């Protein structure tokens, strides 16, 4: 498995922005797909944004136009830029990646949107 470490979460006011980072232990070029999931208390994880390496992106409808998933090859890092945040964006965000035919997960980073 690839090791993934998320960071960048925190407390932000509605309308604010955060950039989440997911540092991978391998080059992101060796990954098949990367994605960000959100998990709210008592709920299952929901796909927020996904990226097929060298291919397409997809987003949860509620975040389209506000969130952007991207990668930096030199830093072995995947990002989730989150703009115009609202309370519904609150949750623990997890980075995932498919590597060597298996899915890996980071430890999660908390995002709280509150005034």
C-alpha atoms as a PDB file:
ATOM      1  CA  UNK A   1       0.000   0.000   0.000  1.00  0.00           C
ATOM      2  CA  UNK A   2       0.927   3.620  -0.464  1.00  0.00           C
ATOM      3  CA  UNK A   3       1.134   5.681   2.703  1.00  0.00           C
ATOM      4  CA  UNK A   4      -1.012   8.819   2.725  1.00  0.00           C
ATOM      5  CA  UNK A   5      -0.912  11.666   5.231  1.00  0.00           C
ATOM      6  CA  UNK A   6      -3.540  14.413   5.180  1.00  0.00           C
ATOM      7  CA  UNK A   7      -3.121  17.897   6.550  1.00  0.00           C
ATOM      8  CA  UNK A   8      -4.598  21.367   6.199  1.00  0.00           C
ATOM      9  CA  UNK A   9      -7.899  20.972   7.991  1.00  0.00           C
ATOM     10  CA  UNK A  10      -9.128  23.348  10.627  1.00  0.00           C
ATOM     11  CA  UNK A  11     -11.845  25.744  11.670  1.00  0.00           C
ATOM     12  CA  UNK A  12     -12.997  28.247   9.076  1.00  0.00           C
ATOM     13  CA  UNK A  13     -15.894  30.677   8.834  1.00  0.00           C
ATOM     14  CA  UNK A  14     -18.602  30.255   6.199  1.00  0.00           C
ATOM     15  CA  UNK A  15     -17.412  31.659   2.906  1.00  0.00           C
ATOM     16  CA  UNK A  16     -13.799  30.966   3.749  1.00  0.00           C
ATOM     17  CA  UNK A  17     -11.289  28.681   2.086  1.00  0.00           C
ATOM     18  CA  UNK A  18      -8.987  25.812   2.985  1.00  0.00           C
ATOM     19  CA  UNK A  19      -6.485  23.751   1.080  1.00  0.00           C
ATOM     20  CA  UNK A  20      -6.120  20.153   2.140  1.00  0.00           C
ATOM     21  CA  UNK A  21      -2.931  18.269   1.346  1.00  0.00           C
ATOM     22  CA  UNK A  22      -2.354  14.554   0.954  1.00  0.00           C
ATOM     23  CA  UNK A  23       1.304  13.570   0.970  1.00  0.00           C
ATOM     24  CA  UNK A  24       1.960  10.223  -0.678  1.00  0.00           C
ATOM     25  CA  UNK A  25       4.889   7.898  -0.111  1.00  0.00           C
ATOM     26  CA  UNK A  26       5.237   7.289  -3.841  1.00  0.00           C
ATOM     27  CA  UNK A  27       5.090   9.405  -6.947  1.00  0.00           C
ATOM     28  CA  UNK A  28       1.515  10.290  -7.768  1.00  0.00           C
ATOM     29  CA  UNK A  29       2.295   9.215 -11.312  1.00  0.00           C
ATOM     30  CA  UNK A  30       2.426   5.637 -10.033  1.00  0.00           C
ATOM     31  CA  UNK A  31      -1.120   5.908  -8.693  1.00  0.00           C
ATOM     32  CA  UNK A  32      -4.165   4.929 -10.692  1.00  0.00           C
ATOM     33  CA  UNK A  33      -6.657   7.224  -8.995  1.00  0.00           C
ATOM     34  CA  UNK A  34      -6.747   9.629  -6.076  1.00  0.00           C
ATOM     35  CA  UNK A  35      -9.784  10.947  -4.296  1.00  0.00           C
ATOM     36  CA  UNK A  36     -11.045  12.917  -1.343  1.00  0.00           C
ATOM     37  CA  UNK A  37     -13.888  11.655   0.826  1.00  0.00           C
ATOM     38  CA  UNK A  38     -15.838  13.390   3.562  1.00  0.00           C
ATOM     39  CA  UNK A  39     -17.282  11.621   6.578  1.00  0.00           C
ATOM     40  CA  UNK A  40     -19.786  13.274   8.895  1.00  0.00           C
ATOM     41  CA  UNK A  41     -20.432  11.896  12.389  1.00  0.00           C
ATOM     42  CA  UNK A  42     -22.523   8.751  12.247  1.00  0.00           C
ATOM     43  CA  UNK A  43     -22.474   8.647   8.454  1.00  0.00           C
ATOM     44  CA  UNK A  44     -20.601   6.772   5.774  1.00  0.00           C
ATOM     45  CA  UNK A  45     -17.844   8.359   3.772  1.00  0.00           C
ATOM     46  CA  UNK A  46     -18.981  10.302   0.725  1.00  0.00           C
ATOM     47  CA  UNK A  47     -16.905  10.899  -2.369  1.00  0.00           C
ATOM     48  CA  UNK A  48     -16.154  14.598  -2.676  1.00  0.00           C
ATOM     49  CA  UNK A  49     -13.652  14.717  -5.517  1.00  0.00           C
ATOM     50  CA  UNK A  50     -11.803  12.181  -7.599  1.00  0.00           C
ATOM     51  CA  UNK A  51      -8.983  12.266 -10.098  1.00  0.00           C
ATOM     52  CA  UNK A  52      -7.905   9.599 -12.535  1.00  0.00           C
ATOM     53  CA  UNK A  53      -4.165  10.129 -12.885  1.00  0.00           C
ATOM     54  CA  UNK A  54      -3.628  11.468 -16.360  1.00  0.00           C
ATOM     55  CA  UNK A  55      -7.354  11.610 -16.906  1.00  0.00           C
ATOM     56  CA  UNK A  56     -10.608  13.056 -15.686  1.00  0.00           C
ATOM     57  CA  UNK A  57     -11.906  14.597 -12.501  1.00  0.00           C
ATOM     58  CA  UNK A  58     -15.282  14.223 -10.890  1.00  0.00           C
ATOM     59  CA  UNK A  59     -16.956  16.053  -8.038  1.00  0.00           C
ATOM     60  CA  UNK A  60     -19.874  15.739  -5.712  1.00  0.00           C
ATOM     61  CA  UNK A  61     -22.620  17.977  -7.061  1.00  0.00           C
ATOM     62  CA  UNK A  62     -22.651  20.114  -3.930  1.00  0.00           C
ATOM     63  CA  UNK A  63     -18.996  21.097  -4.347  1.00  0.00           C
ATOM     64  CA  UNK A  64     -18.828  21.654  -8.094  1.00  0.00           C
ATOM     65  CA  UNK A  65     -17.473  25.081  -8.837  1.00  0.00           C
ATOM     66  CA  UNK A  66     -16.131  25.433  -5.301  1.00  0.00           C
ATOM     67  CA  UNK A  67     -13.624  22.577  -4.860  1.00  0.00           C
ATOM     68  CA  UNK A  68     -10.696  21.561  -7.036  1.00  0.00           C
ATOM     69  CA  UNK A  69      -8.625  18.391  -6.805  1.00  0.00           C
ATOM     70  CA  UNK A  70      -5.096  18.541  -8.169  1.00  0.00           C
ATOM     71  CA  UNK A  71      -1.680  16.967  -7.809  1.00  0.00           C
ATOM     72  CA  UNK A  72       1.924  18.124  -7.619  1.00  0.00           C
ATOM     73  CA  UNK A  73       4.310  15.516  -8.962  1.00  0.00           C
ATOM     74  CA  UNK A  74       7.412  17.146  -7.509  1.00  0.00           C
ATOM     75  CA  UNK A  75       5.955  17.085  -3.991  1.00  0.00           C
ATOM     76  CA  UNK A  76       4.196  13.697  -4.216  1.00  0.00           C
ATOM     77  CA  UNK A  77       1.128  15.541  -2.978  1.00  0.00           C
ATOM     78  CA  UNK A  78      -2.541  15.699  -3.875  1.00  0.00           C
ATOM     79  CA  UNK A  79      -4.540  18.769  -2.943  1.00  0.00           C
ATOM     80  CA  UNK A  80      -8.144  19.677  -2.401  1.00  0.00           C
ATOM     81  CA  UNK A  81      -8.721  23.405  -2.712  1.00  0.00           C
ATOM     82  CA  UNK A  82     -11.980  24.278  -0.995  1.00  0.00           C
ATOM     83  CA  UNK A  83     -13.529  27.693  -1.555  1.00  0.00           C
ATOM     84  CA  UNK A  84     -16.728  29.343  -0.375  1.00  0.00           C
ATOM     85  CA  UNK A  85     -17.117  26.810   2.395  1.00  0.00           C
ATOM     86  CA  UNK A  86     -20.415  26.272   4.130  1.00  0.00           C
ATOM     87  CA  UNK A  87     -21.564  24.293   7.141  1.00  0.00           C
ATOM     88  CA  UNK A  88     -22.453  21.264   5.016  1.00  0.00           C
ATOM     89  CA  UNK A  89     -18.770  20.898   4.160  1.00  0.00           C
ATOM     90  CA  UNK A  90     -17.968  20.072   7.780  1.00  0.00           C
ATOM     91  CA  UNK A  91     -16.546  16.619   8.360  1.00  0.00           C
ATOM     92  CA  UNK A  92     -13.423  14.522   8.423  1.00  0.00           C
ATOM     93  CA  UNK A  93     -11.744  14.482   5.045  1.00  0.00           C
ATOM     94  CA  UNK A  94      -9.821  11.429   3.932  1.00  0.00           C
ATOM     95  CA  UNK A  95      -7.435  11.058   1.050  1.00  0.00           C
ATOM     96  CA  UNK A  96      -7.516   7.790  -0.827  1.00  0.00           C
ATOM     97  CA  UNK A  97      -5.458   6.334  -3.627  1.00  0.00           C
ATOM     98  CA  UNK A  98      -5.433   3.213  -5.707  1.00  0.00           C
ATOM     99  CA  UNK A  99      -1.952   1.759  -5.966  1.00  0.00           C
ATOM    100  CA  UNK A 100      -0.859  -1.640  -7.224  1.00  0.00           C
ATOM    101  CA  UNK A 101      -4.470  -2.701  -7.440  1.00  0.00           C
ATOM    102  CA  UNK A 102      -5.343  -1.791  -3.846  1.00  0.00           C
ATOM    103  CA  UNK A 103      -6.961   1.185  -2.147  1.00  0.00           C
ATOM    104  CA  UNK A 104      -5.087   3.095   0.536  1.00  0.00           C
ATOM    105  CA  UNK A 105      -6.405   5.652   3.013  1.00  0.00           C
ATOM    106  CA  UNK A 106      -4.952   8.471   5.032  1.00  0.00           C
ATOM    107  CA  UNK A 107      -5.755   9.114   8.675  1.00  0.00           C
ATOM    108  CA  UNK A 108      -8.162  11.977   7.981  1.00  0.00           C
ATOM    109  CA  UNK A 109      -8.161  15.683   8.733  1.00  0.00           C
ATOM    110  CA  UNK A 110     -11.006  17.568  10.389  1.00  0.00           C
ATOM    111  CA  UNK A 111     -12.711  20.440   8.602  1.00  0.00           C
ATOM    112  CA  UNK A 112     -15.171  22.528  10.584  1.00  0.00           C
ATOM    113  CA  UNK A 113     -17.091  25.394   9.006  1.00  0.00           C
ATOM    114  CA  UNK A 114     -18.713  27.563  11.643  1.00  0.00           C
ATOM    115  CA  UNK A 115     -19.162  31.216  12.459  1.00  0.00           C
END
